């Protein structure tokens, strides 16, 4: 079941704007940043959220505690942006194309399997070539890189199909 075509445009707008935000403030992934449109140091989306398996080791107290679940005030800006990025990539990946038929479904399946292979190879390379904070940043990018790779491979396959049909005529 695919989404209507206009979801691709919505997804592109979301992804492009958030990628620009990531480029402008790369630390946005880890939450240690100031939002570009906020003057508040603590962020603009400060709210109480449930935190699972948390400890107060970083807090200045005499007694160190470990809790399975507790409510804590956190800035959820990075969570919101990553969620919007994932939603945008899903919109791009799973929206209909013009003249969707059985052949395009087969191309979609082929692109899906090729994206799995490409993404797995990239993950293995990242595991051996990158370390520390750069590795964590790239692992966070892995959340949506598979769907981006899938969308790119699928778009290339559709483009090649249309070119070959144009040459046959």
Protein backbone atom coordinates (compact mmCIF):
# COMPACT_ATOMS: atom_id res chain seq x y z
CA UNK A 1 0.00 0.00 0.00
CA UNK A 2 1.63 3.19 -1.19
CA UNK A 3 0.99 6.80 -0.29
CA UNK A 4 -0.37 9.34 -2.79
CA UNK A 5 2.17 11.10 -5.01
CA UNK A 6 2.01 14.46 -3.20
CA UNK A 7 3.59 12.85 -0.12
CA UNK A 8 6.88 12.73 -2.06
CA UNK A 9 6.90 16.54 -2.25
CA UNK A 10 6.08 16.86 1.46
CA UNK A 11 8.85 14.38 2.26
CA UNK A 12 11.37 16.22 0.08
CA UNK A 13 10.57 19.51 1.82
CA UNK A 14 11.02 17.90 5.25
CA UNK A 15 14.25 16.10 4.37
CA UNK A 16 15.90 19.04 2.61
CA UNK A 17 15.09 21.50 5.38
CA UNK A 18 16.30 19.14 8.11
CA UNK A 19 19.49 18.26 6.22
CA UNK A 20 20.20 21.98 5.95
CA UNK A 21 19.68 22.20 9.72
CA UNK A 22 22.06 19.26 10.28
CA UNK A 23 24.68 20.92 8.12
CA UNK A 24 24.28 24.24 9.93
CA UNK A 25 24.37 22.62 13.40
CA UNK A 26 25.90 19.10 13.20
CA UNK A 27 25.68 18.59 16.98
CA UNK A 28 21.90 18.63 16.68
CA UNK A 29 21.97 14.81 16.58
CA UNK A 30 23.34 14.62 20.12
CA UNK A 31 21.30 17.42 21.62
CA UNK A 32 24.19 19.70 22.62
CA UNK A 33 23.33 22.70 20.50
CA UNK A 34 21.39 25.93 20.40
CA UNK A 35 18.48 25.98 18.00
CA UNK A 36 19.15 28.55 15.26
CA UNK A 37 15.80 30.27 15.87
CA UNK A 38 15.97 30.22 19.68
CA UNK A 39 17.84 32.51 22.05
CA UNK A 40 17.28 30.19 25.01
CA UNK A 41 20.33 28.16 25.99
CA UNK A 42 18.24 25.21 27.19
CA UNK A 43 16.29 24.93 23.92
CA UNK A 44 12.75 25.69 22.92
CA UNK A 45 11.25 22.23 23.37
CA UNK A 46 12.00 21.72 27.06
CA UNK A 47 9.46 19.31 28.53
CA UNK A 48 9.03 16.46 30.99
CA UNK A 49 9.63 13.09 29.35
CA UNK A 50 9.92 9.53 30.64
CA UNK A 51 13.54 8.36 30.78
CA UNK A 52 14.23 4.64 30.93
CA UNK A 53 17.23 3.08 32.71
CA UNK A 54 18.63 6.39 33.89
CA UNK A 55 21.10 7.30 36.58
CA UNK A 56 21.98 10.62 38.15
CA UNK A 57 25.74 10.12 37.80
CA UNK A 58 26.11 13.38 35.88
CA UNK A 59 24.10 15.37 38.40
CA UNK A 60 25.80 16.96 41.43
CA UNK A 61 24.28 14.96 44.30
CA UNK A 62 25.66 13.05 47.26
CA UNK A 63 23.65 9.94 46.59
CA UNK A 64 24.00 8.11 43.25
CA UNK A 65 20.80 6.43 42.12
CA UNK A 66 19.72 4.22 39.26
CA UNK A 67 16.08 4.17 38.18
CA UNK A 68 14.30 2.02 35.63
CA UNK A 69 11.83 4.78 34.73
CA UNK A 70 11.64 8.37 35.86
CA UNK A 71 10.34 11.66 34.57
CA UNK A 72 13.00 14.17 33.63
CA UNK A 73 13.00 17.61 32.05
CA UNK A 74 14.76 17.35 28.67
CA UNK A 75 15.02 19.33 25.48
CA UNK A 76 13.47 17.13 22.81
CA UNK A 77 14.51 19.24 19.80
CA UNK A 78 16.83 16.60 18.38
CA UNK A 79 14.21 13.86 18.83
CA UNK A 80 11.63 15.96 17.00
CA UNK A 81 13.99 16.71 14.13
CA UNK A 82 15.11 13.10 13.73
CA UNK A 83 11.46 11.97 13.80
CA UNK A 84 10.56 14.51 11.13
CA UNK A 85 13.53 13.35 9.07
CA UNK A 86 12.38 9.72 9.29
CA UNK A 87 8.81 10.67 8.40
CA UNK A 88 10.08 12.67 5.42
CA UNK A 89 12.21 9.79 4.17
CA UNK A 90 9.28 7.37 4.57
CA UNK A 91 7.09 9.76 2.57
CA UNK A 92 9.67 9.85 -0.23
CA UNK A 93 10.24 6.11 -0.24
CA UNK A 94 6.67 4.91 -0.08
CA UNK A 95 4.77 7.33 -2.28
CA UNK A 96 3.43 6.40 -5.66
CA UNK A 97 5.16 7.32 -8.86
CA UNK A 98 3.53 8.49 -12.05
CA UNK A 99 2.18 5.51 -14.03
CA UNK A 100 2.71 2.97 -11.23
CA UNK A 101 2.35 -0.59 -12.58
CA UNK A 102 3.62 -4.14 -12.04
CA UNK A 103 6.96 -3.40 -13.67
CA UNK A 104 7.57 -0.42 -11.38
CA UNK A 105 6.69 -2.66 -8.42
CA UNK A 106 9.37 -5.11 -9.58
CA UNK A 107 11.84 -2.24 -9.89
CA UNK A 108 10.88 -1.12 -6.38
CA UNK A 109 11.61 -4.62 -5.05
CA UNK A 110 14.96 -4.75 -6.85
CA UNK A 111 15.88 -1.32 -5.51
CA UNK A 112 14.92 -2.47 -2.01
CA UNK A 113 17.22 -5.48 -2.16
CA UNK A 114 20.09 -3.45 -3.63
CA UNK A 115 19.64 -0.80 -0.93
CA UNK A 116 19.97 -3.49 1.75
CA UNK A 117 23.28 -4.62 0.27
CA UNK A 118 24.65 -1.09 -0.20
CA UNK A 119 23.60 0.00 3.29
CA UNK A 120 25.14 -3.13 4.86
CA UNK A 121 28.44 -2.54 3.07
CA UNK A 122 28.43 1.09 4.20
CA UNK A 123 27.75 0.02 7.78
CA UNK A 124 30.66 -2.43 7.71
CA UNK A 125 32.97 0.21 6.27
CA UNK A 126 31.90 2.73 8.89
CA UNK A 127 32.53 0.16 11.61
CA UNK A 128 36.16 -0.22 10.54
CA UNK A 129 37.03 3.28 9.30
CA UNK A 130 35.40 5.77 11.67
CA UNK A 131 35.66 6.17 15.43
CA UNK A 132 34.40 8.23 18.36
CA UNK A 133 31.97 11.06 17.68
CA UNK A 134 32.11 10.76 13.89
CA UNK A 135 31.11 7.09 14.18
CA UNK A 136 28.16 8.00 16.41
CA UNK A 137 27.08 10.68 13.96
CA UNK A 138 27.22 8.22 11.07
CA UNK A 139 25.32 5.59 13.04
CA UNK A 140 22.60 8.17 13.71
CA UNK A 141 22.52 8.83 9.95
CA UNK A 142 21.97 5.08 9.46
CA UNK A 143 18.46 5.61 10.84
CA UNK A 144 17.36 6.99 7.50
CA UNK A 145 20.23 6.24 5.10
CA UNK A 146 18.67 2.94 4.03
CA UNK A 147 15.51 4.65 2.85
CA UNK A 148 17.49 7.41 1.17
CA UNK A 149 19.61 4.82 -0.67
CA UNK A 150 16.45 2.92 -1.61
CA UNK A 151 14.84 6.09 -2.97
CA UNK A 152 17.95 6.96 -4.97
CA UNK A 153 18.36 3.46 -6.46
CA UNK A 154 14.65 3.30 -7.29
CA UNK A 155 14.71 6.72 -8.95
CA UNK A 156 17.73 5.67 -11.03
CA UNK A 157 16.02 2.45 -12.09
CA UNK A 158 12.84 4.30 -13.11
CA UNK A 159 14.92 6.85 -15.01
CA UNK A 160 16.82 4.11 -16.85
CA UNK A 161 13.55 2.35 -17.67
CA UNK A 162 12.04 5.52 -19.11
CA UNK A 163 15.19 6.18 -21.17
CA UNK A 164 15.17 2.68 -22.60
CA UNK A 165 11.50 3.01 -23.50
CA UNK A 166 12.18 6.34 -25.19
CA UNK A 167 15.01 4.80 -27.26
CA UNK A 168 12.77 1.90 -28.35
CA UNK A 169 10.17 4.30 -29.75
